[in-house]
């Protein structure tokens, strides 16, 4: 099966975006609502990273 994306590039980009959000969490000026939204977004990035890895290594595919 031919891949339509570059796994390493995609993973690096997603990890970079997640890292930027983690750094934003250190801002003491964030409201509780903003902090919770960032945490949810970080959770989403972790989920997407897991899916990218599963797709790359073809785990979760039933044959």
C-alpha atoms as a PDB file:
ATOM      1  CA  UNK A   1       0.000   0.000   0.000  1.00  0.00           C
ATOM      2  CA  UNK A   2       1.451   3.358  -1.046  1.00  0.00           C
ATOM      3  CA  UNK A   3       1.479   6.084   1.581  1.00  0.00           C
ATOM      4  CA  UNK A   4       0.123   9.497   0.656  1.00  0.00           C
ATOM      5  CA  UNK A   5       2.065  11.360   3.344  1.00  0.00           C
ATOM      6  CA  UNK A   6       5.522  11.490   4.873  1.00  0.00           C
ATOM      7  CA  UNK A   7       5.259   9.761   8.258  1.00  0.00           C
ATOM      8  CA  UNK A   8       8.339  11.361   9.829  1.00  0.00           C
ATOM      9  CA  UNK A   9       7.460  14.844   8.615  1.00  0.00           C
ATOM     10  CA  UNK A  10       3.867  14.525   9.790  1.00  0.00           C
ATOM     11  CA  UNK A  11       4.898  13.163  13.186  1.00  0.00           C
ATOM     12  CA  UNK A  12       7.480  15.923  13.643  1.00  0.00           C
ATOM     13  CA  UNK A  13       4.927  18.612  12.794  1.00  0.00           C
ATOM     14  CA  UNK A  14       2.302  17.207  15.165  1.00  0.00           C
ATOM     15  CA  UNK A  15       4.831  16.860  17.995  1.00  0.00           C
ATOM     16  CA  UNK A  16       5.987  20.430  17.414  1.00  0.00           C
ATOM     17  CA  UNK A  17       2.432  21.757  17.634  1.00  0.00           C
ATOM     18  CA  UNK A  18       1.815  19.732  20.784  1.00  0.00           C
ATOM     19  CA  UNK A  19       5.051  21.039  22.306  1.00  0.00           C
ATOM     20  CA  UNK A  20       4.044  24.637  21.592  1.00  0.00           C
ATOM     21  CA  UNK A  21       0.763  24.066  23.389  1.00  0.00           C
ATOM     22  CA  UNK A  22       2.566  22.533  26.366  1.00  0.00           C
ATOM     23  CA  UNK A  23       4.736  25.644  26.591  1.00  0.00           C
ATOM     24  CA  UNK A  24       1.620  27.836  26.510  1.00  0.00           C
ATOM     25  CA  UNK A  25       0.333  26.017  29.593  1.00  0.00           C
ATOM     26  CA  UNK A  26       3.138  27.580  31.634  1.00  0.00           C
ATOM     27  CA  UNK A  27       1.637  31.052  31.121  1.00  0.00           C
ATOM     28  CA  UNK A  28       0.268  32.120  34.505  1.00  0.00           C
ATOM     29  CA  UNK A  29      -2.074  34.623  32.824  1.00  0.00           C
ATOM     30  CA  UNK A  30      -4.231  31.893  31.296  1.00  0.00           C
ATOM     31  CA  UNK A  31      -7.767  31.593  32.561  1.00  0.00           C
ATOM     32  CA  UNK A  32      -8.997  28.223  33.764  1.00  0.00           C
ATOM     33  CA  UNK A  33     -11.133  27.955  30.635  1.00  0.00           C
ATOM     34  CA  UNK A  34      -8.152  28.657  28.353  1.00  0.00           C
ATOM     35  CA  UNK A  35      -6.033  26.177  30.272  1.00  0.00           C
ATOM     36  CA  UNK A  36      -8.688  23.462  29.921  1.00  0.00           C
ATOM     37  CA  UNK A  37      -9.065  24.142  26.201  1.00  0.00           C
ATOM     38  CA  UNK A  38      -5.296  23.818  25.680  1.00  0.00           C
ATOM     39  CA  UNK A  39      -5.273  20.556  27.652  1.00  0.00           C
ATOM     40  CA  UNK A  40      -8.081  19.165  25.475  1.00  0.00           C
ATOM     41  CA  UNK A  41      -6.201  20.195  22.344  1.00  0.00           C
ATOM     42  CA  UNK A  42      -3.038  18.501  23.635  1.00  0.00           C
ATOM     43  CA  UNK A  43      -5.072  15.338  24.249  1.00  0.00           C
ATOM     44  CA  UNK A  44      -6.335  15.556  20.667  1.00  0.00           C
ATOM     45  CA  UNK A  45      -2.782  15.836  19.329  1.00  0.00           C
ATOM     46  CA  UNK A  46      -1.766  12.782  21.367  1.00  0.00           C
ATOM     47  CA  UNK A  47      -4.695  10.854  19.903  1.00  0.00           C
ATOM     48  CA  UNK A  48      -3.813  11.927  16.348  1.00  0.00           C
ATOM     49  CA  UNK A  49      -0.165  10.969  16.908  1.00  0.00           C
ATOM     50  CA  UNK A  50      -1.297   7.510  18.031  1.00  0.00           C
ATOM     51  CA  UNK A  51      -3.419   7.155  14.901  1.00  0.00           C
ATOM     52  CA  UNK A  52      -0.532   8.248  12.677  1.00  0.00           C
ATOM     53  CA  UNK A  53       1.714   5.641  14.286  1.00  0.00           C
ATOM     54  CA  UNK A  54      -0.921   2.931  13.976  1.00  0.00           C
ATOM     55  CA  UNK A  55      -1.402   3.794  10.322  1.00  0.00           C
ATOM     56  CA  UNK A  56       2.338   3.864   9.663  1.00  0.00           C
ATOM     57  CA  UNK A  57       2.959   0.479  11.243  1.00  0.00           C
ATOM     58  CA  UNK A  58      -0.369  -0.894   9.948  1.00  0.00           C
ATOM     59  CA  UNK A  59      -1.586  -1.792  13.419  1.00  0.00           C
ATOM     60  CA  UNK A  60      -5.280  -1.976  13.977  1.00  0.00           C
ATOM     61  CA  UNK A  61      -5.917  -3.155  10.434  1.00  0.00           C
ATOM     62  CA  UNK A  62      -7.852  -6.370  10.274  1.00  0.00           C
ATOM     63  CA  UNK A  63      -6.933  -8.544   7.324  1.00  0.00           C
END
